[in-house]
PDB file of all heavy atoms in Angstrom:
ATOM      1  N   ALA A   1       0.838  -1.209  -0.019  1.00  0.00           N
ATOM      2  CA  ALA A   1      -0.020  -0.009   0.003  1.00  0.00           C
ATOM      3  C   ALA A   1       0.864   1.267   0.013  1.00  0.00           C
ATOM      4  O   ALA A   1       0.571   2.238  -0.716  1.00  0.00           O
ATOM      5  CB  ALA A   1      -0.924   0.006   1.209  1.00  0.00           C
ATOM      6  N   GLY A   2       1.939   1.231   0.764  1.00  0.00           N
ATOM      7  CA  GLY A   2       2.866   2.353   0.803  1.00  0.00           C
ATOM      8  C   GLY A   2       3.476   2.605  -0.550  1.00  0.00           C
ATOM      9  O   GLY A   2       3.646   3.742  -0.981  1.00  0.00           O
ATOM     10  N   ILE A   3       3.891   1.487  -1.187  1.00  0.00           N
ATOM     11  CA  ILE A   3       4.527   1.660  -2.550  1.00  0.00           C
ATOM     12  C   ILE A   3       3.501   2.183  -3.580  1.00  0.00           C
ATOM     13  O   ILE A   3       3.797   3.040  -4.385  1.00  0.00           O
ATOM     14  CB  ILE A   3       5.052   0.261  -2.975  1.00  0.00           C
ATOM     15  CG1 ILE A   3       6.245  -0.181  -2.120  1.00  0.00           C
ATOM     16  CG2 ILE A   3       5.502   0.344  -4.464  1.00  0.00           C
ATOM     17  CD1 ILE A   3       6.786  -1.542  -2.457  1.00  0.00           C
ATOM     18  N   ALA A   4       2.258   1.688  -3.479  1.00  0.00           N
ATOM     19  CA  ALA A   4       1.240   2.197  -4.363  1.00  0.00           C
ATOM     20  C   ALA A   4       0.956   3.710  -4.106  1.00  0.00           C
ATOM     21  O   ALA A   4       0.685   4.447  -5.014  1.00  0.00           O
ATOM     22  CB  ALA A   4      -0.059   1.396  -4.180  1.00  0.00           C
ATOM     23  N   GLY A   5       1.009   4.086  -2.834  1.00  0.00           N
ATOM     24  CA  GLY A   5       0.868   5.549  -2.497  1.00  0.00           C
ATOM     25  C   GLY A   5       1.955   6.373  -3.105  1.00  0.00           C
ATOM     26  O   GLY A   5       1.744   7.453  -3.635  1.00  0.00           O
ATOM     27  N   ALA A   6       3.205   5.840  -3.053  1.00  0.00           N
ATOM     28  CA  ALA A   6       4.332   6.540  -3.627  1.00  0.00           C
ATOM     29  C   ALA A   6       4.179   6.655  -5.171  1.00  0.00           C
ATOM     30  O   ALA A   6       4.451   7.668  -5.755  1.00  0.00           O
ATOM     31  CB  ALA A   6       5.658   5.844  -3.268  1.00  0.00           C
ATOM     32  N   GLY A   7       3.694   5.541  -5.784  1.00  0.00           N
ATOM     33  CA  GLY A   7       3.454   5.530  -7.209  1.00  0.00           C
ATOM     34  C   GLY A   7       2.411   6.604  -7.585  1.00  0.00           C
ATOM     35  O   GLY A   7       2.503   7.293  -8.557  1.00  0.00           O
ATOM     36  N   LEU A   8       1.375   6.725  -6.797  1.00  0.00           N
ATOM     37  CA  LEU A   8       0.325   7.730  -7.051  1.00  0.00           C
ATOM     38  C   LEU A   8       0.893   9.153  -6.895  1.00  0.00           C
ATOM     39  O   LEU A   8       0.602  10.006  -7.724  1.00  0.00           O
ATOM     40  CB  LEU A   8      -0.834   7.487  -6.067  1.00  0.00           C
ATOM     41  CG  LEU A   8      -1.970   8.503  -6.105  1.00  0.00           C
ATOM     42  CD1 LEU A   8      -2.571   8.601  -7.545  1.00  0.00           C
ATOM     43  CD2 LEU A   8      -3.099   8.103  -5.155  1.00  0.00           C
ATOM     44  N   ALA A   9       1.686   9.333  -5.899  1.00  0.00           N
ATOM     45  CA  ALA A   9       2.314  10.640  -5.740  1.00  0.00           C
ATOM     46  C   ALA A   9       3.142  11.023  -6.945  1.00  0.00           C
ATOM     47  O   ALA A   9       3.084  12.186  -7.411  1.00  0.00           O
ATOM     48  CB  ALA A   9       3.131  10.673  -4.420  1.00  0.00           C
ATOM     49  N   LEU A  10       3.992  10.080  -7.388  1.00  0.00           N
ATOM     50  CA  LEU A  10       4.835  10.386  -8.507  1.00  0.00           C
ATOM     51  C   LEU A  10       4.067  10.743  -9.757  1.00  0.00           C
ATOM     52  O   LEU A  10       4.367  11.636 -10.524  1.00  0.00           O
ATOM     53  CB  LEU A  10       5.756   9.200  -8.792  1.00  0.00           C
ATOM     54  CG  LEU A  10       6.876   8.963  -7.763  1.00  0.00           C
ATOM     55  CD1 LEU A  10       7.561   7.615  -8.067  1.00  0.00           C
ATOM     56  CD2 LEU A  10       7.865  10.073  -7.764  1.00  0.00           C
ATOM     57  N   ALA A  11       2.926  10.011  -9.995  1.00  0.00           N
ATOM     58  CA  ALA A  11       2.140  10.279 -11.177  1.00  0.00           C
ATOM     59  C   ALA A  11       1.555  11.709 -11.094  1.00  0.00           C
ATOM     60  O   ALA A  11       1.562  12.455 -12.077  1.00  0.00           O
ATOM     61  CB  ALA A  11       0.965   9.272 -11.308  1.00  0.00           C
ATOM     62  N   VAL A  12       1.021  12.077  -9.920  1.00  0.00           N
ATOM     63  CA  VAL A  12       0.394  13.397  -9.781  1.00  0.00           C
ATOM     64  C   VAL A  12       1.484  14.462  -9.861  1.00  0.00           C
ATOM     65  O   VAL A  12       1.247  15.554 -10.395  1.00  0.00           O
ATOM     66  CB  VAL A  12      -0.419  13.436  -8.459  1.00  0.00           C
ATOM     67  CG1 VAL A  12      -0.885  14.857  -8.188  1.00  0.00           C
ATOM     68  CG2 VAL A  12      -1.558  12.511  -8.500  1.00  0.00           C
ATOM     69  N   LEU A  13       2.633  14.189  -9.312  1.00  0.00           N
ATOM     70  CA  LEU A  13       3.729  15.215  -9.303  1.00  0.00           C
ATOM     71  C   LEU A  13       4.292  15.392 -10.751  1.00  0.00           C
ATOM     72  O   LEU A  13       5.014  16.352 -10.994  1.00  0.00           O
ATOM     73  CB  LEU A  13       4.849  14.802  -8.370  1.00  0.00           C
ATOM     74  CG  LEU A  13       4.546  14.991  -6.879  1.00  0.00           C
ATOM     75  CD1 LEU A  13       5.522  14.289  -5.980  1.00  0.00           C
ATOM     76  CD2 LEU A  13       4.451  16.488  -6.553  1.00  0.00           C
ATOM     77  N   ALA A  14       4.021  14.436 -11.644  1.00  0.00           N
ATOM     78  CA  ALA A  14       4.364  14.653 -13.023  1.00  0.00           C
ATOM     79  C   ALA A  14       3.393  15.530 -13.747  1.00  0.00           C
ATOM     80  O   ALA A  14       3.776  16.399 -14.533  1.00  0.00           O
ATOM     81  CB  ALA A  14       4.466  13.320 -13.761  1.00  0.00           C
ATOM     82  N   LYS A  15       2.091  15.374 -13.442  1.00  0.00           N
ATOM     83  CA  LYS A  15       1.059  16.171 -14.097  1.00  0.00           C
ATOM     84  C   LYS A  15      -0.234  16.091 -13.318  1.00  0.00           C
ATOM     85  O   LYS A  15      -0.622  14.984 -12.817  1.00  0.00           O
ATOM     86  CB  LYS A  15       0.834  15.683 -15.535  1.00  0.00           C
ATOM     87  CG  LYS A  15       0.194  16.712 -16.411  1.00  0.00           C
ATOM     88  CD  LYS A  15       0.482  16.482 -17.860  1.00  0.00           C
ATOM     89  CE  LYS A  15       0.031  17.705 -18.715  1.00  0.00           C
ATOM     90  NZ  LYS A  15       0.378  17.598 -20.088  1.00  0.00           N
ATOM     91  N   PHE A  16      -0.925  17.222 -13.214  1.00  0.00           N
ATOM     92  CA  PHE A  16      -2.155  17.280 -12.456  1.00  0.00           C
ATOM     93  C   PHE A  16      -3.231  16.349 -12.988  1.00  0.00           C
ATOM     94  O   PHE A  16      -4.134  16.008 -12.265  1.00  0.00           O
ATOM     95  CB  PHE A  16      -2.723  18.726 -12.477  1.00  0.00           C
ATOM     96  CG  PHE A  16      -1.996  19.681 -11.588  1.00  0.00           C
ATOM     97  CD1 PHE A  16      -1.725  20.996 -12.033  1.00  0.00           C
ATOM     98  CD2 PHE A  16      -1.462  19.326 -10.363  1.00  0.00           C
ATOM     99  CE1 PHE A  16      -1.050  21.916 -11.244  1.00  0.00           C
ATOM    100  CE2 PHE A  16      -0.783  20.228  -9.528  1.00  0.00           C
ATOM    101  CZ  PHE A  16      -0.565  21.506  -9.983  1.00  0.00           C
ATOM    102  N   SER A  17      -3.108  15.963 -14.276  1.00  0.00           N
ATOM    103  CA  SER A  17      -4.107  15.128 -14.908  1.00  0.00           C
ATOM    104  C   SER A  17      -4.376  13.845 -14.066  1.00  0.00           C
ATOM    105  O   SER A  17      -5.528  13.373 -13.961  1.00  0.00           O
ATOM    106  CB  SER A  17      -3.683  14.734 -16.305  1.00  0.00           C
ATOM    107  OG  SER A  17      -3.408  15.854 -17.124  1.00  0.00           O
ATOM    108  N   TRP A  18      -3.368  13.322 -13.441  1.00  0.00           N
ATOM    109  CA  TRP A  18      -3.531  12.071 -12.729  1.00  0.00           C
ATOM    110  C   TRP A  18      -4.160  12.195 -11.304  1.00  0.00           C
ATOM    111  O   TRP A  18      -4.290  11.288 -10.604  1.00  0.00           O
ATOM    112  CB  TRP A  18      -2.194  11.365 -12.584  1.00  0.00           C
ATOM    113  CG  TRP A  18      -1.744  10.733 -13.849  1.00  0.00           C
ATOM    114  CD1 TRP A  18      -0.516  10.887 -14.452  1.00  0.00           C
ATOM    115  CD2 TRP A  18      -2.461   9.839 -14.697  1.00  0.00           C
ATOM    116  NE1 TRP A  18      -0.409  10.141 -15.604  1.00  0.00           N
ATOM    117  CE2 TRP A  18      -1.573   9.482 -15.798  1.00  0.00           C
ATOM    118  CE3 TRP A  18      -3.763   9.290 -14.647  1.00  0.00           C
ATOM    119  CZ2 TRP A  18      -1.994   8.647 -16.831  1.00  0.00           C
ATOM    120  CZ3 TRP A  18      -4.133   8.389 -15.688  1.00  0.00           C
ATOM    121  CH2 TRP A  18      -3.285   8.063 -16.745  1.00  0.00           C
ATOM    122  N   LEU A  19      -4.574  13.421 -11.020  1.00  0.00           N
ATOM    123  CA  LEU A  19      -5.428  13.590  -9.797  1.00  0.00           C
ATOM    124  C   LEU A  19      -6.656  12.742  -9.879  1.00  0.00           C
ATOM    125  O   LEU A  19      -7.272  12.424  -8.841  1.00  0.00           O
ATOM    126  CB  LEU A  19      -5.812  15.064  -9.648  1.00  0.00           C
ATOM    127  CG  LEU A  19      -4.732  15.930  -9.031  1.00  0.00           C
ATOM    128  CD1 LEU A  19      -5.118  17.428  -9.103  1.00  0.00           C
ATOM    129  CD2 LEU A  19      -4.430  15.593  -7.554  1.00  0.00           C
ATOM    130  N   VAL A  20      -7.119  12.338 -11.068  1.00  0.00           N
ATOM    131  CA  VAL A  20      -8.300  11.480 -11.182  1.00  0.00           C
ATOM    132  C   VAL A  20      -8.102  10.170 -10.469  1.00  0.00           C
ATOM    133  O   VAL A  20      -9.076   9.547 -10.076  1.00  0.00           O
ATOM    134  CB  VAL A  20      -8.666  11.261 -12.662  1.00  0.00           C
ATOM    135  CG1 VAL A  20      -8.962  12.545 -13.377  1.00  0.00           C
ATOM    136  CG2 VAL A  20      -7.515  10.504 -13.404  1.00  0.00           C
ATOM    137  N   LEU A  21      -6.816   9.760 -10.310  1.00  0.00           N
ATOM    138  CA  LEU A  21      -6.547   8.428  -9.708  1.00  0.00           C
ATOM    139  C   LEU A  21      -6.950   8.472  -8.180  1.00  0.00           C
ATOM    140  O   LEU A  21      -7.289   7.442  -7.606  1.00  0.00           O
ATOM    141  CB  LEU A  21      -5.078   8.131  -9.779  1.00  0.00           C
ATOM    142  CG  LEU A  21      -4.581   7.934 -11.238  1.00  0.00           C
ATOM    143  CD1 LEU A  21      -3.096   7.561 -11.237  1.00  0.00           C
ATOM    144  CD2 LEU A  21      -5.403   6.871 -11.970  1.00  0.00           C
ATOM    145  N   PHE A  22      -6.974   9.672  -7.565  1.00  0.00           N
ATOM    146  CA  PHE A  22      -7.423   9.742  -6.148  1.00  0.00           C
ATOM    147  C   PHE A  22      -8.907   9.310  -6.041  1.00  0.00           C
ATOM    148  O   PHE A  22      -9.261   8.846  -4.963  1.00  0.00           O
ATOM    149  CB  PHE A  22      -7.198  11.154  -5.569  1.00  0.00           C
ATOM    150  CG  PHE A  22      -5.876  11.430  -5.058  1.00  0.00           C
ATOM    151  CD1 PHE A  22      -4.961  12.090  -5.860  1.00  0.00           C
ATOM    152  CD2 PHE A  22      -5.461  11.021  -3.785  1.00  0.00           C
ATOM    153  CE1 PHE A  22      -3.646  12.355  -5.306  1.00  0.00           C
ATOM    154  CE2 PHE A  22      -4.237  11.267  -3.287  1.00  0.00           C
ATOM    155  CZ  PHE A  22      -3.318  11.919  -4.034  1.00  0.00           C
ATOM    156  N   GLY A  23      -9.654   9.552  -7.058  1.00  0.00           N
ATOM    157  CA  GLY A  23     -11.060   9.035  -7.010  1.00  0.00           C
ATOM    158  C   GLY A  23     -11.184   7.652  -7.592  1.00  0.00           C
ATOM    159  O   GLY A  23     -11.996   6.894  -7.116  1.00  0.00           O
ATOM    160  N   LEU A  24     -10.362   7.303  -8.612  1.00  0.00           N
ATOM    161  CA  LEU A  24     -10.542   6.025  -9.336  1.00  0.00           C
ATOM    162  C   LEU A  24     -10.011   4.879  -8.478  1.00  0.00           C
ATOM    163  O   LEU A  24     -10.618   3.798  -8.440  1.00  0.00           O
ATOM    164  CB  LEU A  24      -9.821   6.071 -10.612  1.00  0.00           C
ATOM    165  CG  LEU A  24     -10.520   6.911 -11.774  1.00  0.00           C
ATOM    166  CD1 LEU A  24      -9.685   6.923 -12.979  1.00  0.00           C
ATOM    167  CD2 LEU A  24     -11.905   6.349 -12.033  1.00  0.00           C
ATOM    168  N   TRP A  25      -8.905   5.052  -7.713  1.00  0.00           N
ATOM    169  CA  TRP A  25      -8.332   3.932  -7.011  1.00  0.00           C
ATOM    170  C   TRP A  25      -9.276   3.425  -5.889  1.00  0.00           C
ATOM    171  O   TRP A  25      -9.547   2.207  -5.838  1.00  0.00           O
ATOM    172  CB  TRP A  25      -6.969   4.272  -6.408  1.00  0.00           C
ATOM    173  CG  TRP A  25      -5.789   4.303  -7.289  1.00  0.00           C
ATOM    174  CD1 TRP A  25      -4.555   4.803  -6.977  1.00  0.00           C
ATOM    175  CD2 TRP A  25      -5.670   3.879  -8.674  1.00  0.00           C
ATOM    176  NE1 TRP A  25      -3.694   4.660  -8.051  1.00  0.00           N
ATOM    177  CE2 TRP A  25      -4.338   4.104  -9.133  1.00  0.00           C
ATOM    178  CE3 TRP A  25      -6.544   3.349  -9.576  1.00  0.00           C
ATOM    179  CZ2 TRP A  25      -3.896   3.741 -10.421  1.00  0.00           C
ATOM    180  CZ3 TRP A  25      -6.154   3.006 -10.877  1.00  0.00           C
ATOM    181  CH2 TRP A  25      -4.819   3.245 -11.247  1.00  0.00           C
ATOM    182  N   PRO A  26      -9.852   4.254  -5.078  1.00  0.00           N
ATOM    183  CA  PRO A  26     -10.835   3.749  -4.115  1.00  0.00           C
ATOM    184  C   PRO A  26     -12.030   3.142  -4.766  1.00  0.00           C
ATOM    185  O   PRO A  26     -12.541   2.120  -4.279  1.00  0.00           O
ATOM    186  CB  PRO A  26     -11.215   5.001  -3.311  1.00  0.00           C
ATOM    187  CG  PRO A  26     -10.061   5.899  -3.438  1.00  0.00           C
ATOM    188  CD  PRO A  26      -9.535   5.674  -4.839  1.00  0.00           C
ATOM    189  N   LEU A  27     -12.541   3.701  -5.854  1.00  0.00           N
ATOM    190  CA  LEU A  27     -13.638   3.145  -6.549  1.00  0.00           C
ATOM    191  C   LEU A  27     -13.385   1.788  -7.109  1.00  0.00           C
ATOM    192  O   LEU A  27     -14.171   0.848  -6.994  1.00  0.00           O
ATOM    193  CB  LEU A  27     -14.111   4.125  -7.662  1.00  0.00           C
ATOM    194  CG  LEU A  27     -15.324   3.671  -8.537  1.00  0.00           C
ATOM    195  CD1 LEU A  27     -16.583   3.488  -7.635  1.00  0.00           C
ATOM    196  CD2 LEU A  27     -15.586   4.676  -9.629  1.00  0.00           C
ATOM    197  N   LEU A  28     -12.216   1.622  -7.752  1.00  0.00           N
ATOM    198  CA  LEU A  28     -11.856   0.315  -8.307  1.00  0.00           C
ATOM    199  C   LEU A  28     -11.657  -0.729  -7.182  1.00  0.00           C
ATOM    200  O   LEU A  28     -12.059  -1.870  -7.388  1.00  0.00           O
ATOM    201  CB  LEU A  28     -10.558   0.477  -9.157  1.00  0.00           C
ATOM    202  CG  LEU A  28     -10.726   1.111 -10.525  1.00  0.00           C
ATOM    203  CD1 LEU A  28      -9.378   1.419 -11.113  1.00  0.00           C
ATOM    204  CD2 LEU A  28     -11.550   0.239 -11.412  1.00  0.00           C
ATOM    205  N   TRP A  29     -11.104  -0.302  -6.061  1.00  0.00           N
ATOM    206  CA  TRP A  29     -10.975  -1.253  -4.930  1.00  0.00           C
ATOM    207  C   TRP A  29     -12.379  -1.716  -4.430  1.00  0.00           C
ATOM    208  O   TRP A  29     -12.541  -2.907  -4.252  1.00  0.00           O
ATOM    209  CB  TRP A  29     -10.223  -0.537  -3.787  1.00  0.00           C
ATOM    210  CG  TRP A  29     -10.252  -1.341  -2.549  1.00  0.00           C
ATOM    211  CD1 TRP A  29      -9.598  -2.536  -2.292  1.00  0.00           C
ATOM    212  CD2 TRP A  29     -10.932  -1.016  -1.324  1.00  0.00           C
ATOM    213  NE1 TRP A  29      -9.860  -2.932  -0.987  1.00  0.00           N
ATOM    214  CE2 TRP A  29     -10.733  -2.039  -0.397  1.00  0.00           C
ATOM    215  CE3 TRP A  29     -11.796   0.032  -0.952  1.00  0.00           C
ATOM    216  CZ2 TRP A  29     -11.261  -2.103   0.868  1.00  0.00           C
ATOM    217  CZ3 TRP A  29     -12.340   0.013   0.338  1.00  0.00           C
ATOM    218  CH2 TRP A  29     -12.123  -0.978   1.191  1.00  0.00           C
ATOM    219  N   ILE A  30     -13.336  -0.804  -4.376  1.00  0.00           N
ATOM    220  CA  ILE A  30     -14.671  -1.143  -3.988  1.00  0.00           C
ATOM    221  C   ILE A  30     -15.204  -2.162  -4.939  1.00  0.00           C
ATOM    222  O   ILE A  30     -15.885  -3.175  -4.585  1.00  0.00           O
ATOM    223  CB  ILE A  30     -15.517   0.038  -3.789  1.00  0.00           C
ATOM    224  CG1 ILE A  30     -15.066   0.890  -2.567  1.00  0.00           C
ATOM    225  CG2 ILE A  30     -16.996  -0.312  -3.607  1.00  0.00           C
ATOM    226  CD1 ILE A  30     -15.755   2.274  -2.448  1.00  0.00           C
ATOM    227  N   LEU A  31     -15.078  -1.909  -6.231  1.00  0.00           N
ATOM    228  CA  LEU A  31     -15.582  -2.808  -7.244  1.00  0.00           C
ATOM    229  C   LEU A  31     -14.965  -4.193  -7.150  1.00  0.00           C
ATOM    230  O   LEU A  31     -15.667  -5.215  -7.371  1.00  0.00           O
ATOM    231  CB  LEU A  31     -15.383  -2.186  -8.638  1.00  0.00           C
ATOM    232  CG  LEU A  31     -16.159  -0.930  -8.961  1.00  0.00           C
ATOM    233  CD1 LEU A  31     -15.754  -0.375 -10.345  1.00  0.00           C
ATOM    234  CD2 LEU A  31     -17.630  -1.183  -8.926  1.00  0.00           C
ATOM    235  N   VAL A  32     -13.667  -4.179  -6.840  1.00  0.00           N
ATOM    236  CA  VAL A  32     -13.013  -5.459  -6.686  1.00  0.00           C
ATOM    237  C   VAL A  32     -13.579  -6.242  -5.466  1.00  0.00           C
ATOM    238  O   VAL A  32     -13.792  -7.419  -5.502  1.00  0.00           O
ATOM    239  CB  VAL A  32     -11.478  -5.256  -6.526  1.00  0.00           C
ATOM    240  CG1 VAL A  32     -10.797  -6.596  -6.114  1.00  0.00           C
ATOM    241  CG2 VAL A  32     -10.869  -4.802  -7.848  1.00  0.00           C
ATOM    242  N   ILE A  33     -13.777  -5.529  -4.391  1.00  0.00           N
ATOM    243  CA  ILE A  33     -14.361  -6.078  -3.205  1.00  0.00           C
ATOM    244  C   ILE A  33     -15.771  -6.726  -3.495  1.00  0.00           C
ATOM    245  O   ILE A  33     -16.026  -7.869  -3.116  1.00  0.00           O
ATOM    246  CB  ILE A  33     -14.524  -5.096  -2.137  1.00  0.00           C
ATOM    247  CG1 ILE A  33     -13.143  -4.617  -1.619  1.00  0.00           C
ATOM    248  CG2 ILE A  33     -15.362  -5.609  -0.934  1.00  0.00           C
ATOM    249  CD1 ILE A  33     -12.362  -5.677  -0.889  1.00  0.00           C
TER     250      ILE A  33
END
């Protein structure tokens, strides 16, 4: 989980576009559950 958090931070720090992942990752996790 920590590594995934670091990966998310790097993506967002490259470009604001990947802020969508803050909403998509929890949603995808719920769908997997």
